[in-house]
Amino acid sequence: MDGLARCRRRAHRQGALPRARRGNKLTVRLVDGFPGDTFNVEISSGEAQSGALDSTGRARVRYKRLASGDGTAAAAWGCGASGEESYQCP
């Protein structure tokens, strides 16, 4: 993950949602992997996403509507490598 887990605040503006309603969005970027290798990313809340790296050995995973506070994103690749990165949502 190489320090690439980032959380930012984002206003949710869908349909009739009030403007004051807000949430956090976390983007985890996986880099320098083996093209086509599988991965699993799990964050502190227990949400997990899986997939395969693209032809350049990269992937991006997004989580929406996260609560404020500190957390950890843990990634595991099919080749056996793993990584962990902390994040803080405002």
N, C-alpha and C. Protein backbone atom coordinates (compact mmCIF):
# COMPACT_ATOMS: atom_id res chain seq x y z
N MET A 1 0.83 -1.19 0.00
CA MET A 1 0.00 0.00 0.00
C MET A 1 0.87 1.24 0.00
N ASP A 2 2.03 1.19 0.56
CA ASP A 2 3.01 2.23 0.42
C ASP A 2 2.49 3.61 0.81
N GLY A 3 1.79 3.72 1.95
CA GLY A 3 1.32 5.01 2.44
C GLY A 3 0.22 5.63 1.62
N LEU A 4 -0.58 4.83 0.94
CA LEU A 4 -1.56 5.38 0.02
C LEU A 4 -3.00 5.22 0.46
N ALA A 5 -3.26 5.01 1.75
CA ALA A 5 -4.64 4.98 2.24
C ALA A 5 -4.99 6.40 2.66
N ARG A 6 -5.96 6.98 2.02
CA ARG A 6 -6.34 8.37 2.28
C ARG A 6 -7.83 8.47 2.55
N CYS A 7 -8.17 9.27 3.53
CA CYS A 7 -9.58 9.49 3.85
C CYS A 7 -9.87 10.97 3.71
N ARG A 8 -11.01 11.31 3.12
CA ARG A 8 -11.39 12.71 3.01
C ARG A 8 -12.89 12.84 3.21
N ARG A 9 -13.29 14.01 3.65
CA ARG A 9 -14.71 14.28 3.85
C ARG A 9 -15.32 14.63 2.51
N ARG A 10 -16.54 14.15 2.32
CA ARG A 10 -17.24 14.40 1.07
C ARG A 10 -18.70 14.65 1.35
N ALA A 11 -19.24 15.65 0.74
CA ALA A 11 -20.67 15.93 0.89
C ALA A 11 -21.45 14.95 0.02
N HIS A 12 -22.50 14.38 0.57
CA HIS A 12 -23.36 13.47 -0.18
C HIS A 12 -24.53 14.27 -0.72
N ARG A 13 -24.65 14.30 -2.05
CA ARG A 13 -25.71 15.08 -2.67
C ARG A 13 -26.45 14.20 -3.66
N GLN A 14 -27.31 13.36 -3.15
CA GLN A 14 -28.09 12.49 -4.02
C GLN A 14 -29.57 12.78 -3.77
N GLY A 15 -30.29 13.04 -4.83
CA GLY A 15 -31.73 13.25 -4.72
C GLY A 15 -32.09 14.31 -3.70
N ALA A 16 -32.91 13.93 -2.72
CA ALA A 16 -33.43 14.89 -1.76
C ALA A 16 -32.69 14.89 -0.43
N LEU A 17 -31.46 14.37 -0.41
CA LEU A 17 -30.71 14.38 0.84
C LEU A 17 -30.41 15.82 1.24
N PRO A 18 -30.56 16.15 2.51
CA PRO A 18 -30.25 17.50 2.94
C PRO A 18 -28.77 17.83 2.74
N ARG A 19 -28.49 19.07 2.46
CA ARG A 19 -27.12 19.50 2.18
C ARG A 19 -26.19 19.27 3.37
N ALA A 20 -26.68 19.35 4.58
CA ALA A 20 -25.85 19.22 5.76
C ALA A 20 -25.38 17.78 6.00
N ARG A 21 -25.98 16.81 5.33
CA ARG A 21 -25.60 15.42 5.53
C ARG A 21 -24.23 15.17 4.90
N ARG A 22 -23.31 14.64 5.69
CA ARG A 22 -21.94 14.45 5.20
C ARG A 22 -21.45 13.06 5.55
N GLY A 23 -20.35 12.67 4.92
CA GLY A 23 -19.73 11.38 5.20
C GLY A 23 -18.27 11.42 4.81
N ASN A 24 -17.57 10.35 5.03
CA ASN A 24 -16.16 10.24 4.68
C ASN A 24 -15.99 9.18 3.61
N LYS A 25 -15.00 9.39 2.77
CA LYS A 25 -14.67 8.45 1.70
C LYS A 25 -13.20 8.06 1.86
N LEU A 26 -12.91 6.78 1.82
CA LEU A 26 -11.55 6.27 1.93
C LEU A 26 -11.16 5.61 0.61
N THR A 27 -10.00 5.98 0.09
CA THR A 27 -9.45 5.35 -1.10
C THR A 27 -8.15 4.65 -0.73
N VAL A 28 -8.06 3.36 -1.02
CA VAL A 28 -6.85 2.59 -0.78
C VAL A 28 -6.28 2.23 -2.14
N ARG A 29 -5.02 2.61 -2.38
CA ARG A 29 -4.35 2.32 -3.64
C ARG A 29 -3.30 1.24 -3.42
N LEU A 30 -3.38 0.23 -4.23
CA LEU A 30 -2.40 -0.86 -4.19
C LEU A 30 -1.46 -0.67 -5.38
N VAL A 31 -0.17 -0.68 -5.13
CA VAL A 31 0.82 -0.44 -6.19
C VAL A 31 1.95 -1.46 -6.13
N ASP A 32 2.68 -1.55 -7.22
CA ASP A 32 3.88 -2.40 -7.31
C ASP A 32 3.62 -3.87 -7.06
N GLY A 33 2.45 -4.36 -7.47
CA GLY A 33 2.15 -5.78 -7.32
C GLY A 33 2.39 -6.53 -8.62
N PHE A 34 2.12 -7.82 -8.61
CA PHE A 34 2.24 -8.64 -9.81
C PHE A 34 0.95 -8.51 -10.61
N PRO A 35 1.01 -8.16 -11.88
CA PRO A 35 -0.20 -8.04 -12.70
C PRO A 35 -1.06 -9.30 -12.60
N GLY A 36 -2.36 -9.09 -12.36
CA GLY A 36 -3.31 -10.19 -12.27
C GLY A 36 -3.40 -10.85 -10.92
N ASP A 37 -2.50 -10.51 -9.99
CA ASP A 37 -2.53 -11.12 -8.65
C ASP A 37 -3.81 -10.70 -7.93
N THR A 38 -4.36 -11.58 -7.13
CA THR A 38 -5.57 -11.26 -6.37
C THR A 38 -5.20 -10.51 -5.10
N PHE A 39 -6.19 -9.79 -4.55
CA PHE A 39 -5.98 -9.06 -3.31
C PHE A 39 -7.27 -9.00 -2.52
N ASN A 40 -7.13 -8.72 -1.23
CA ASN A 40 -8.26 -8.49 -0.33
C ASN A 40 -7.87 -7.32 0.57
N VAL A 41 -8.74 -6.31 0.67
CA VAL A 41 -8.51 -5.16 1.54
C VAL A 41 -9.62 -5.12 2.57
N GLU A 42 -9.24 -5.07 3.84
CA GLU A 42 -10.22 -4.99 4.92
C GLU A 42 -9.89 -3.78 5.79
N ILE A 43 -10.94 -3.00 6.14
CA ILE A 43 -10.74 -1.84 7.00
C ILE A 43 -11.27 -2.14 8.39
N SER A 44 -10.95 -1.25 9.33
CA SER A 44 -11.27 -1.47 10.74
C SER A 44 -12.74 -1.77 11.01
N SER A 45 -13.63 -1.22 10.22
CA SER A 45 -15.06 -1.43 10.43
C SER A 45 -15.49 -2.85 10.06
N GLY A 46 -14.60 -3.62 9.43
CA GLY A 46 -14.92 -4.99 9.02
C GLY A 46 -15.31 -5.11 7.56
N GLU A 47 -15.50 -3.98 6.88
CA GLU A 47 -15.82 -4.03 5.46
C GLU A 47 -14.60 -4.52 4.68
N ALA A 48 -14.84 -5.39 3.70
CA ALA A 48 -13.74 -5.94 2.90
C ALA A 48 -14.12 -5.94 1.43
N GLN A 49 -13.12 -5.76 0.60
CA GLN A 49 -13.30 -5.84 -0.85
C GLN A 49 -12.15 -6.65 -1.44
N SER A 50 -12.47 -7.41 -2.48
CA SER A 50 -11.47 -8.26 -3.14
C SER A 50 -11.44 -7.94 -4.63
N GLY A 51 -10.39 -8.35 -5.27
CA GLY A 51 -10.28 -8.16 -6.71
C GLY A 51 -8.96 -8.67 -7.22
N ALA A 52 -8.62 -8.20 -8.41
CA ALA A 52 -7.34 -8.56 -9.03
C ALA A 52 -6.64 -7.29 -9.49
N LEU A 53 -5.32 -7.28 -9.39
CA LEU A 53 -4.54 -6.13 -9.84
C LEU A 53 -4.62 -6.03 -11.36
N ASP A 54 -4.51 -4.80 -11.87
CA ASP A 54 -4.57 -4.61 -13.32
C ASP A 54 -3.25 -5.01 -13.99
N SER A 55 -3.14 -4.75 -15.27
CA SER A 55 -1.96 -5.18 -16.04
C SER A 55 -0.68 -4.45 -15.65
N THR A 56 -0.80 -3.37 -14.85
CA THR A 56 0.39 -2.66 -14.37
C THR A 56 0.68 -2.97 -12.90
N GLY A 57 -0.08 -3.90 -12.31
CA GLY A 57 0.13 -4.29 -10.92
C GLY A 57 -0.46 -3.32 -9.92
N ARG A 58 -1.54 -2.63 -10.31
CA ARG A 58 -2.17 -1.64 -9.43
C ARG A 58 -3.67 -1.91 -9.29
N ALA A 59 -4.23 -1.37 -8.21
CA ALA A 59 -5.68 -1.42 -8.01
C ALA A 59 -6.07 -0.28 -7.07
N ARG A 60 -7.33 0.08 -7.11
CA ARG A 60 -7.86 1.10 -6.22
C ARG A 60 -9.16 0.59 -5.64
N VAL A 61 -9.30 0.72 -4.32
CA VAL A 61 -10.50 0.27 -3.61
C VAL A 61 -11.06 1.47 -2.87
N ARG A 62 -12.37 1.67 -2.96
CA ARG A 62 -13.01 2.82 -2.31
C ARG A 62 -14.07 2.36 -1.32
N TYR A 63 -14.11 3.06 -0.21
CA TYR A 63 -15.13 2.85 0.81
C TYR A 63 -15.83 4.18 1.04
N LYS A 64 -17.13 4.16 1.20
CA LYS A 64 -17.91 5.39 1.39
C LYS A 64 -18.63 5.37 2.73
N ARG A 65 -18.99 6.55 3.16
CA ARG A 65 -19.79 6.76 4.37
C ARG A 65 -19.14 6.19 5.63
N LEU A 66 -17.86 6.48 5.81
CA LEU A 66 -17.15 6.01 7.00
C LEU A 66 -17.36 6.98 8.16
N ALA A 67 -17.37 6.44 9.35
CA ALA A 67 -17.48 7.27 10.55
C ALA A 67 -16.17 8.01 10.78
N SER A 68 -16.23 9.11 11.48
CA SER A 68 -15.02 9.85 11.82
C SER A 68 -14.17 9.05 12.79
N GLY A 69 -12.86 9.28 12.74
CA GLY A 69 -11.95 8.62 13.66
C GLY A 69 -10.82 7.90 12.96
N ASP A 70 -10.02 7.23 13.77
CA ASP A 70 -8.85 6.50 13.26
C ASP A 70 -9.24 5.09 12.82
N GLY A 71 -8.48 4.57 11.89
CA GLY A 71 -8.72 3.21 11.43
C GLY A 71 -7.49 2.64 10.77
N THR A 72 -7.61 1.40 10.34
CA THR A 72 -6.52 0.71 9.66
C THR A 72 -7.07 -0.01 8.43
N ALA A 73 -6.32 0.07 7.34
CA ALA A 73 -6.64 -0.68 6.13
C ALA A 73 -5.57 -1.75 5.98
N ALA A 74 -5.97 -3.01 5.92
CA ALA A 74 -5.04 -4.13 5.78
C ALA A 74 -5.26 -4.79 4.43
N ALA A 75 -4.18 -4.99 3.70
CA ALA A 75 -4.26 -5.63 2.39
C ALA A 75 -3.48 -6.93 2.41
N ALA A 76 -4.02 -7.93 1.72
CA ALA A 76 -3.34 -9.21 1.55
C ALA A 76 -3.43 -9.59 0.07
N TRP A 77 -2.31 -10.01 -0.50
CA TRP A 77 -2.25 -10.39 -1.89
C TRP A 77 -2.20 -11.90 -2.01
N GLY A 78 -2.62 -12.41 -3.14
CA GLY A 78 -2.61 -13.84 -3.40
C GLY A 78 -1.22 -14.45 -3.35
N CYS A 79 -0.20 -13.65 -3.63
CA CYS A 79 1.17 -14.16 -3.62
C CYS A 79 1.71 -14.37 -2.21
N GLY A 80 0.95 -13.92 -1.19
CA GLY A 80 1.37 -14.09 0.20
C GLY A 80 1.82 -12.81 0.87
N ALA A 81 2.04 -11.75 0.11
CA ALA A 81 2.45 -10.47 0.70
C ALA A 81 1.27 -9.83 1.43
N SER A 82 1.57 -8.96 2.39
CA SER A 82 0.52 -8.23 3.10
C SER A 82 1.06 -6.87 3.51
N GLY A 83 0.15 -5.96 3.80
CA GLY A 83 0.53 -4.62 4.23
C GLY A 83 -0.59 -4.00 5.02
N GLU A 84 -0.25 -3.00 5.81
CA GLU A 84 -1.23 -2.33 6.66
C GLU A 84 -0.90 -0.85 6.69
N GLU A 85 -1.95 -0.02 6.64
CA GLU A 85 -1.77 1.42 6.66
C GLU A 85 -2.86 2.03 7.52
N SER A 86 -2.48 2.95 8.39
CA SER A 86 -3.48 3.62 9.23
C SER A 86 -4.03 4.84 8.49
N TYR A 87 -5.23 5.25 8.86
CA TYR A 87 -5.86 6.44 8.28
C TYR A 87 -6.66 7.14 9.36
N GLN A 88 -6.97 8.40 9.12
CA GLN A 88 -7.79 9.18 10.04
C GLN A 88 -8.83 9.93 9.22
N CYS A 89 -10.09 9.74 9.56
CA CYS A 89 -11.17 10.43 8.89
C CYS A 89 -11.60 11.61 9.77
N PRO A 90 -11.76 12.79 9.18
CA PRO A 90 -12.14 13.98 9.95
C PRO A 90 -13.54 13.86 10.54
